Amino acid sequence: MRDEVRIAIAADADLIPARAEGRALAERQGFSRTDATLIATAISEVARNIVVHVGRGEIVLRALDERARCGVLVLARDDGPGIWDVERAIQGFTNSSGPGLGLGLPGARRLMDEFELDSQPGTGTTVKMIKWRSRDELELLRERRRRRERAD
C-alpha cells in the first residue's frame, strides 16, 4: 500500500485523478463508500480552488494509522498570492464564481473532521484536512493477533 500520493493540480481535468486517489485511499483505510465520497468531494473543492485562484498546486494524500483510529490526511498546497482575508474565505466569501460543487472551503471544512488553513499574502496557501474512522473491536483484535504472530 502506498502511504503517500501526490497529484499535481493545474487544470480541471486534474480533479478527476485527485478525487479517485482520495476515494481509493479512503477505501483502503476502511472507510465506507459514503465517507469515501465525502473525502473525494472535499478534495475536489480544495483542488478546484487551486485551479480557479492560482492555476497550479498539488494535493498530497496520506494514510494515517493510530491505535484506535485511522484516517486520511489531505494537504492542498499552492504558491500563489495567498488569501488576504482567511476568515472571510472560510465563511465562503470569494471573488470567483467559477463552476464547482458550490461548497468551497466552508463545505470542505464541514465534510472533514479536522480543517486548518494556513495562508499569508505572497506566500501561498496550505489547507490541511483529516477524516478519521474509529477502529472497531474486531479490527483491533485482528491487529493484536498480527503483532503477536510477527513477534513469534
N, C-alpha and C. Protein backbone atom coordinates (compact mmCIF):
# COMPACT_ATOMS: atom_id res chain seq x y z
N MET A 1 0.84 -1.19 0.00
CA MET A 1 0.00 0.00 0.00
C MET A 1 0.88 1.24 0.00
N ARG A 2 0.59 2.18 -0.87
CA ARG A 2 1.33 3.44 -0.89
C ARG A 2 0.86 4.30 0.27
N ASP A 3 1.82 4.84 1.02
CA ASP A 3 1.48 5.67 2.17
C ASP A 3 1.18 7.12 1.80
N GLU A 4 1.76 7.58 0.67
CA GLU A 4 1.56 8.96 0.26
C GLU A 4 1.39 9.02 -1.25
N VAL A 5 0.45 9.86 -1.68
CA VAL A 5 0.20 10.08 -3.11
C VAL A 5 0.22 11.58 -3.34
N ARG A 6 0.89 12.01 -4.41
CA ARG A 6 0.94 13.42 -4.79
C ARG A 6 0.30 13.57 -6.16
N ILE A 7 -0.58 14.54 -6.29
CA ILE A 7 -1.24 14.80 -7.56
C ILE A 7 -1.03 16.27 -7.89
N ALA A 8 -0.40 16.55 -9.02
CA ALA A 8 -0.24 17.92 -9.48
C ALA A 8 -1.60 18.44 -9.94
N ILE A 9 -1.90 19.66 -9.58
CA ILE A 9 -3.17 20.29 -9.95
C ILE A 9 -2.86 21.52 -10.80
N ALA A 10 -3.31 21.49 -12.06
CA ALA A 10 -3.08 22.63 -12.95
C ALA A 10 -4.28 22.91 -13.86
N ALA A 11 -5.26 22.00 -13.87
CA ALA A 11 -6.43 22.16 -14.73
C ALA A 11 -7.60 21.38 -14.14
N ASP A 12 -8.78 21.67 -14.63
CA ASP A 12 -9.97 20.96 -14.15
C ASP A 12 -9.84 19.45 -14.28
N ALA A 13 -9.17 18.99 -15.34
CA ALA A 13 -9.02 17.55 -15.56
C ALA A 13 -8.24 16.88 -14.42
N ASP A 14 -7.42 17.62 -13.70
CA ASP A 14 -6.63 17.05 -12.60
C ASP A 14 -7.48 16.72 -11.38
N LEU A 15 -8.68 17.28 -11.31
CA LEU A 15 -9.58 16.98 -10.20
C LEU A 15 -10.01 15.51 -10.23
N ILE A 16 -10.11 14.94 -11.41
CA ILE A 16 -10.58 13.56 -11.54
C ILE A 16 -9.62 12.58 -10.88
N PRO A 17 -8.31 12.59 -11.21
CA PRO A 17 -7.41 11.67 -10.52
C PRO A 17 -7.26 11.99 -9.03
N ALA A 18 -7.35 13.26 -8.67
CA ALA A 18 -7.25 13.62 -7.24
C ALA A 18 -8.41 12.99 -6.47
N ARG A 19 -9.62 13.12 -7.00
CA ARG A 19 -10.79 12.51 -6.36
C ARG A 19 -10.65 10.99 -6.30
N ALA A 20 -10.22 10.40 -7.42
CA ALA A 20 -10.10 8.94 -7.49
C ALA A 20 -9.06 8.42 -6.50
N GLU A 21 -7.92 9.08 -6.41
CA GLU A 21 -6.88 8.66 -5.47
C GLU A 21 -7.36 8.81 -4.03
N GLY A 22 -8.08 9.89 -3.75
CA GLY A 22 -8.62 10.10 -2.41
C GLY A 22 -9.63 9.04 -2.03
N ARG A 23 -10.50 8.72 -2.96
CA ARG A 23 -11.51 7.68 -2.73
C ARG A 23 -10.84 6.32 -2.51
N ALA A 24 -9.84 6.00 -3.33
CA ALA A 24 -9.15 4.72 -3.21
C ALA A 24 -8.42 4.61 -1.87
N LEU A 25 -7.76 5.68 -1.46
CA LEU A 25 -7.06 5.67 -0.17
C LEU A 25 -8.06 5.50 0.98
N ALA A 26 -9.17 6.20 0.90
CA ALA A 26 -10.20 6.08 1.93
C ALA A 26 -10.72 4.65 2.03
N GLU A 27 -10.94 4.01 0.89
CA GLU A 27 -11.42 2.63 0.91
C GLU A 27 -10.36 1.69 1.47
N ARG A 28 -9.08 1.92 1.14
CA ARG A 28 -8.01 1.09 1.73
C ARG A 28 -7.93 1.28 3.24
N GLN A 29 -8.29 2.46 3.70
CA GLN A 29 -8.28 2.74 5.13
C GLN A 29 -9.55 2.25 5.83
N GLY A 30 -10.45 1.63 5.09
CA GLY A 30 -11.63 1.03 5.68
C GLY A 30 -12.84 1.94 5.81
N PHE A 31 -12.81 3.09 5.16
CA PHE A 31 -13.96 3.99 5.20
C PHE A 31 -15.10 3.43 4.36
N SER A 32 -16.31 3.77 4.75
CA SER A 32 -17.49 3.38 3.97
C SER A 32 -17.48 4.13 2.64
N ARG A 33 -18.28 3.66 1.70
CA ARG A 33 -18.40 4.36 0.41
C ARG A 33 -18.87 5.79 0.61
N THR A 34 -19.79 5.97 1.53
CA THR A 34 -20.31 7.31 1.80
C THR A 34 -19.21 8.23 2.28
N ASP A 35 -18.42 7.79 3.27
CA ASP A 35 -17.33 8.62 3.76
C ASP A 35 -16.24 8.82 2.70
N ALA A 36 -15.98 7.81 1.89
CA ALA A 36 -15.00 7.96 0.80
C ALA A 36 -15.48 9.03 -0.18
N THR A 37 -16.77 9.10 -0.42
CA THR A 37 -17.32 10.12 -1.30
C THR A 37 -17.20 11.51 -0.68
N LEU A 38 -17.41 11.60 0.63
CA LEU A 38 -17.25 12.89 1.32
C LEU A 38 -15.81 13.38 1.21
N ILE A 39 -14.86 12.48 1.40
CA ILE A 39 -13.44 12.83 1.28
C ILE A 39 -13.13 13.28 -0.15
N ALA A 40 -13.62 12.53 -1.13
CA ALA A 40 -13.39 12.88 -2.54
C ALA A 40 -13.99 14.25 -2.86
N THR A 41 -15.15 14.55 -2.31
CA THR A 41 -15.80 15.84 -2.55
C THR A 41 -14.98 16.97 -1.94
N ALA A 42 -14.49 16.79 -0.73
CA ALA A 42 -13.65 17.81 -0.08
C ALA A 42 -12.38 18.05 -0.90
N ILE A 43 -11.78 16.97 -1.40
CA ILE A 43 -10.59 17.09 -2.25
C ILE A 43 -10.93 17.90 -3.50
N SER A 44 -12.05 17.59 -4.11
CA SER A 44 -12.46 18.29 -5.32
C SER A 44 -12.61 19.79 -5.07
N GLU A 45 -13.17 20.15 -3.94
CA GLU A 45 -13.39 21.56 -3.64
C GLU A 45 -12.08 22.32 -3.44
N VAL A 46 -11.14 21.75 -2.68
CA VAL A 46 -9.88 22.47 -2.46
C VAL A 46 -9.02 22.46 -3.73
N ALA A 47 -9.09 21.39 -4.51
CA ALA A 47 -8.35 21.35 -5.77
C ALA A 47 -8.92 22.38 -6.75
N ARG A 48 -10.23 22.50 -6.77
CA ARG A 48 -10.88 23.49 -7.64
C ARG A 48 -10.45 24.91 -7.27
N ASN A 49 -10.31 25.16 -5.97
CA ASN A 49 -9.82 26.48 -5.53
C ASN A 49 -8.44 26.75 -6.08
N ILE A 50 -7.58 25.74 -6.10
CA ILE A 50 -6.23 25.91 -6.66
C ILE A 50 -6.33 26.31 -8.13
N VAL A 51 -7.14 25.59 -8.90
CA VAL A 51 -7.28 25.87 -10.33
C VAL A 51 -7.82 27.27 -10.57
N VAL A 52 -8.85 27.64 -9.86
CA VAL A 52 -9.52 28.92 -10.09
C VAL A 52 -8.69 30.10 -9.61
N HIS A 53 -8.10 30.00 -8.43
CA HIS A 53 -7.47 31.16 -7.82
C HIS A 53 -5.96 31.28 -8.05
N VAL A 54 -5.30 30.15 -8.38
CA VAL A 54 -3.84 30.18 -8.51
C VAL A 54 -3.39 29.64 -9.86
N GLY A 55 -4.01 28.55 -10.30
CA GLY A 55 -3.64 27.95 -11.57
C GLY A 55 -2.83 26.68 -11.45
N ARG A 56 -2.07 26.55 -10.35
CA ARG A 56 -1.30 25.31 -10.17
C ARG A 56 -0.99 25.11 -8.68
N GLY A 57 -0.84 23.84 -8.33
CA GLY A 57 -0.51 23.46 -6.96
C GLY A 57 -0.46 21.96 -6.88
N GLU A 58 -0.67 21.43 -5.70
CA GLU A 58 -0.67 19.98 -5.56
C GLU A 58 -1.58 19.56 -4.42
N ILE A 59 -2.04 18.31 -4.54
CA ILE A 59 -2.78 17.64 -3.48
C ILE A 59 -1.88 16.50 -3.01
N VAL A 60 -1.70 16.40 -1.71
CA VAL A 60 -0.94 15.31 -1.11
C VAL A 60 -1.91 14.53 -0.23
N LEU A 61 -1.93 13.21 -0.42
CA LEU A 61 -2.82 12.33 0.36
C LEU A 61 -1.95 11.37 1.16
N ARG A 62 -2.29 11.17 2.44
CA ARG A 62 -1.55 10.24 3.29
C ARG A 62 -2.51 9.42 4.13
N ALA A 63 -2.15 8.16 4.30
CA ALA A 63 -2.87 7.29 5.24
C ALA A 63 -2.36 7.60 6.64
N LEU A 64 -3.28 7.70 7.59
CA LEU A 64 -2.92 7.90 8.99
C LEU A 64 -3.37 6.67 9.76
N ASP A 65 -2.49 6.15 10.59
CA ASP A 65 -2.83 4.97 11.38
C ASP A 65 -2.43 5.19 12.82
N GLU A 66 -3.41 5.18 13.69
CA GLU A 66 -3.20 5.24 15.13
C GLU A 66 -3.81 3.99 15.74
N ARG A 67 -3.56 3.76 16.99
CA ARG A 67 -4.03 2.54 17.63
C ARG A 67 -5.55 2.37 17.53
N ALA A 68 -6.29 3.39 17.91
CA ALA A 68 -7.74 3.26 17.99
C ALA A 68 -8.48 3.86 16.80
N ARG A 69 -7.73 4.47 15.88
CA ARG A 69 -8.39 5.07 14.71
C ARG A 69 -7.41 5.15 13.56
N CYS A 70 -8.00 5.33 12.38
CA CYS A 70 -7.19 5.55 11.18
C CYS A 70 -7.84 6.69 10.41
N GLY A 71 -7.10 7.21 9.46
CA GLY A 71 -7.66 8.35 8.76
C GLY A 71 -7.00 8.62 7.43
N VAL A 72 -7.48 9.67 6.81
CA VAL A 72 -6.95 10.16 5.54
C VAL A 72 -6.60 11.64 5.75
N LEU A 73 -5.34 11.96 5.47
CA LEU A 73 -4.87 13.33 5.52
C LEU A 73 -4.83 13.88 4.10
N VAL A 74 -5.37 15.06 3.91
CA VAL A 74 -5.35 15.74 2.62
C VAL A 74 -4.66 17.09 2.82
N LEU A 75 -3.60 17.31 2.05
CA LEU A 75 -2.94 18.61 2.02
C LEU A 75 -3.13 19.20 0.63
N ALA A 76 -3.63 20.41 0.57
CA ALA A 76 -3.75 21.13 -0.70
C ALA A 76 -2.80 22.32 -0.60
N ARG A 77 -1.82 22.37 -1.49
CA ARG A 77 -0.79 23.41 -1.43
C ARG A 77 -0.68 24.16 -2.74
N ASP A 78 -0.41 25.46 -2.61
CA ASP A 78 -0.09 26.26 -3.78
C ASP A 78 0.90 27.33 -3.37
N ASP A 79 1.54 27.94 -4.35
CA ASP A 79 2.47 29.04 -4.06
C ASP A 79 1.96 30.33 -4.68
N GLY A 80 0.65 30.49 -4.62
CA GLY A 80 0.00 31.66 -5.19
C GLY A 80 0.11 32.88 -4.29
N PRO A 81 -0.74 33.86 -4.53
CA PRO A 81 -0.65 35.13 -3.79
C PRO A 81 -1.13 35.04 -2.34
N GLY A 82 -1.71 33.92 -1.96
CA GLY A 82 -2.23 33.79 -0.61
C GLY A 82 -3.65 34.33 -0.50
N ILE A 83 -4.23 34.11 0.63
CA ILE A 83 -5.59 34.57 0.90
C ILE A 83 -5.49 35.78 1.82
N TRP A 84 -6.01 36.89 1.37
CA TRP A 84 -5.88 38.14 2.12
C TRP A 84 -6.73 38.14 3.38
N ASP A 85 -7.90 37.53 3.32
CA ASP A 85 -8.78 37.50 4.49
C ASP A 85 -9.25 36.07 4.70
N VAL A 86 -8.48 35.31 5.50
CA VAL A 86 -8.74 33.89 5.71
C VAL A 86 -10.12 33.65 6.31
N GLU A 87 -10.51 34.47 7.27
CA GLU A 87 -11.82 34.29 7.91
C GLU A 87 -12.96 34.42 6.91
N ARG A 88 -12.90 35.40 6.05
CA ARG A 88 -13.95 35.56 5.02
C ARG A 88 -13.95 34.39 4.05
N ALA A 89 -12.76 33.90 3.69
CA ALA A 89 -12.67 32.76 2.77
C ALA A 89 -13.30 31.53 3.39
N ILE A 90 -13.04 31.28 4.68
CA ILE A 90 -13.61 30.12 5.36
C ILE A 90 -15.12 30.25 5.49
N GLN A 91 -15.61 31.48 5.55
CA GLN A 91 -17.06 31.71 5.62
C GLN A 91 -17.73 31.63 4.25
N GLY A 92 -16.92 31.52 3.19
CA GLY A 92 -17.50 31.33 1.86
C GLY A 92 -17.51 32.54 0.98
N PHE A 93 -16.92 33.64 1.42
CA PHE A 93 -16.86 34.82 0.57
C PHE A 93 -15.69 34.67 -0.38
N THR A 94 -15.92 34.89 -1.66
CA THR A 94 -14.89 34.70 -2.67
C THR A 94 -15.04 35.73 -3.76
N ASN A 95 -13.97 35.91 -4.52
CA ASN A 95 -14.01 36.82 -5.67
C ASN A 95 -14.34 36.10 -6.95
N SER A 96 -14.60 34.80 -6.88
CA SER A 96 -14.80 33.99 -8.09
C SER A 96 -16.18 33.38 -8.09
N SER A 97 -16.69 33.16 -9.26
CA SER A 97 -17.96 32.45 -9.38
C SER A 97 -17.81 31.29 -10.34
N GLY A 98 -16.59 30.72 -10.41
CA GLY A 98 -16.31 29.63 -11.32
C GLY A 98 -17.11 28.39 -10.97
N PRO A 99 -17.24 27.47 -11.94
CA PRO A 99 -18.00 26.26 -11.68
C PRO A 99 -17.32 25.38 -10.65
N GLY A 100 -18.08 24.64 -9.92
CA GLY A 100 -17.61 23.73 -8.90
C GLY A 100 -18.83 23.10 -8.28
N LEU A 101 -18.64 22.48 -7.16
CA LEU A 101 -19.78 21.89 -6.47
C LEU A 101 -20.49 22.92 -5.61
N GLY A 102 -19.91 24.12 -5.51
CA GLY A 102 -20.56 25.18 -4.77
C GLY A 102 -20.32 25.10 -3.27
N LEU A 103 -19.41 24.23 -2.84
CA LEU A 103 -19.16 24.08 -1.41
C LEU A 103 -17.98 24.92 -0.96
N GLY A 104 -16.95 25.02 -1.78
CA GLY A 104 -15.78 25.80 -1.45
C GLY A 104 -15.13 25.37 -0.15
N LEU A 105 -14.39 26.29 0.45
CA LEU A 105 -13.70 26.00 1.71
C LEU A 105 -14.67 25.67 2.85
N PRO A 106 -15.78 26.41 2.99
CA PRO A 106 -16.70 26.07 4.08
C PRO A 106 -17.27 24.66 3.94
N GLY A 107 -17.57 24.25 2.72
CA GLY A 107 -18.10 22.90 2.50
C GLY A 107 -17.07 21.84 2.79
N ALA A 108 -15.84 22.05 2.32
CA ALA A 108 -14.76 21.10 2.60
C ALA A 108 -14.56 20.98 4.10
N ARG A 109 -14.61 22.10 4.78
CA ARG A 109 -14.45 22.11 6.24
C ARG A 109 -15.53 21.28 6.93
N ARG A 110 -16.76 21.40 6.47
CA ARG A 110 -17.88 20.64 7.07
C ARG A 110 -17.79 19.15 6.80
N LEU A 111 -17.21 18.77 5.65
CA LEU A 111 -17.14 17.36 5.26
C LEU A 111 -16.07 16.57 6.01
N MET A 112 -15.07 17.27 6.52
CA MET A 112 -13.93 16.62 7.15
C MET A 112 -13.98 16.83 8.67
N ASP A 113 -13.22 16.02 9.40
CA ASP A 113 -13.21 16.12 10.86
C ASP A 113 -12.27 17.22 11.36
N GLU A 114 -11.18 17.42 10.66
CA GLU A 114 -10.23 18.47 11.03
C GLU A 114 -9.95 19.31 9.79
N PHE A 115 -9.78 20.61 10.01
CA PHE A 115 -9.56 21.53 8.90
C PHE A 115 -8.68 22.68 9.38
N GLU A 116 -7.57 22.90 8.71
CA GLU A 116 -6.69 24.03 9.01
C GLU A 116 -6.35 24.72 7.70
N LEU A 117 -6.33 26.03 7.74
CA LEU A 117 -5.95 26.82 6.57
C LEU A 117 -4.82 27.74 6.98
N ASP A 118 -3.69 27.63 6.30
CA ASP A 118 -2.54 28.48 6.57
C ASP A 118 -2.25 29.27 5.31
N SER A 119 -2.37 30.57 5.39
CA SER A 119 -2.13 31.41 4.22
C SER A 119 -1.71 32.80 4.67
N GLN A 120 -0.66 33.29 4.03
CA GLN A 120 -0.21 34.65 4.23
C GLN A 120 -0.07 35.28 2.86
N PRO A 121 -0.47 36.53 2.72
CA PRO A 121 -0.32 37.18 1.42
C PRO A 121 1.11 37.06 0.90
N GLY A 122 1.24 36.61 -0.35
CA GLY A 122 2.52 36.48 -1.01
C GLY A 122 3.26 35.17 -0.76
N THR A 123 2.72 34.28 0.07
CA THR A 123 3.44 33.05 0.39
C THR A 123 2.71 31.78 -0.02
N GLY A 124 1.54 31.89 -0.56
CA GLY A 124 0.78 30.70 -0.94
C GLY A 124 -0.14 30.24 0.18
N THR A 125 -0.79 29.12 -0.06
CA THR A 125 -1.80 28.62 0.87
C THR A 125 -1.63 27.12 1.03
N THR A 126 -1.83 26.65 2.24
CA THR A 126 -1.89 25.23 2.53
C THR A 126 -3.17 24.95 3.31
N VAL A 127 -3.96 24.02 2.80
CA VAL A 127 -5.15 23.55 3.51
C VAL A 127 -4.85 22.14 3.97
N LYS A 128 -5.05 21.88 5.25
CA LYS A 128 -4.84 20.55 5.82
C LYS A 128 -6.19 20.06 6.34
N MET A 129 -6.59 18.88 5.83
CA MET A 129 -7.87 18.30 6.24
C MET A 129 -7.63 16.84 6.63
N ILE A 130 -8.37 16.38 7.64
CA ILE A 130 -8.29 14.98 8.04
C ILE A 130 -9.71 14.45 8.28
N LYS A 131 -9.93 13.24 7.80
CA LYS A 131 -11.16 12.49 8.11
C LYS A 131 -10.71 11.27 8.89
N TRP A 132 -11.34 11.02 10.04
CA TRP A 132 -11.00 9.90 10.92
C TRP A 132 -12.07 8.83 10.90
N ARG A 133 -11.63 7.61 11.17
CA ARG A 133 -12.53 6.48 11.34
C ARG A 133 -12.04 5.69 12.55
N SER A 134 -12.96 5.44 13.49
CA SER A 134 -12.60 4.63 14.66
C SER A 134 -12.47 3.17 14.26
N ARG A 135 -11.48 2.52 14.83
CA ARG A 135 -11.33 1.08 14.59
C ARG A 135 -12.28 0.35 15.53
N ASP A 136 -13.00 -0.63 15.00
CA ASP A 136 -13.91 -1.40 15.87
C ASP A 136 -13.13 -2.48 16.61
N GLU A 137 -13.78 -3.11 17.58
CA GLU A 137 -13.12 -4.10 18.43
C GLU A 137 -12.56 -5.28 17.64
N LEU A 138 -13.28 -5.74 16.64
CA LEU A 138 -12.80 -6.86 15.83
C LEU A 138 -11.52 -6.48 15.09
N GLU A 139 -11.49 -5.30 14.54
CA GLU A 139 -10.31 -4.82 13.84
C GLU A 139 -9.11 -4.72 14.79
N LEU A 140 -9.34 -4.20 16.00
CA LEU A 140 -8.27 -4.10 16.99
C LEU A 140 -7.76 -5.48 17.41
N LEU A 141 -8.69 -6.43 17.57
CA LEU A 141 -8.31 -7.79 17.93
C LEU A 141 -7.44 -8.42 16.84
N ARG A 142 -7.82 -8.26 15.59
CA ARG A 142 -7.04 -8.79 14.48
C ARG A 142 -5.64 -8.18 14.44
N GLU A 143 -5.57 -6.89 14.68
CA GLU A 143 -4.27 -6.21 14.68
C GLU A 143 -3.39 -6.74 15.80
N ARG A 144 -3.92 -6.94 16.99
CA ARG A 144 -3.13 -7.50 18.10
C ARG A 144 -2.64 -8.90 17.74
N ARG A 145 -3.49 -9.70 17.12
CA ARG A 145 -3.12 -11.05 16.72
C ARG A 145 -1.97 -11.01 15.70
N ARG A 146 -2.04 -10.12 14.72
CA ARG A 146 -0.97 -9.99 13.72
C ARG A 146 0.35 -9.60 14.37
N ARG A 147 0.29 -8.68 15.34
CA ARG A 147 1.51 -8.27 16.04
C ARG A 147 2.13 -9.44 16.79
N ARG A 148 1.29 -10.22 17.46
CA ARG A 148 1.79 -11.39 18.21
C ARG A 148 2.44 -12.38 17.27
N GLU A 149 1.79 -12.63 16.12
CA GLU A 149 2.34 -13.59 15.15
C GLU A 149 3.67 -13.12 14.59
N ARG A 150 3.81 -11.82 14.36
CA ARG A 150 5.09 -11.29 13.86
C ARG A 150 6.18 -11.40 14.91
N ALA A 151 5.81 -11.25 16.18
CA ALA A 151 6.79 -11.31 17.26
C ALA A 151 7.28 -12.74 17.51
N ASP A 152 6.46 -13.72 17.17
CA ASP A 152 6.85 -15.13 17.40
C ASP A 152 7.83 -15.65 16.42
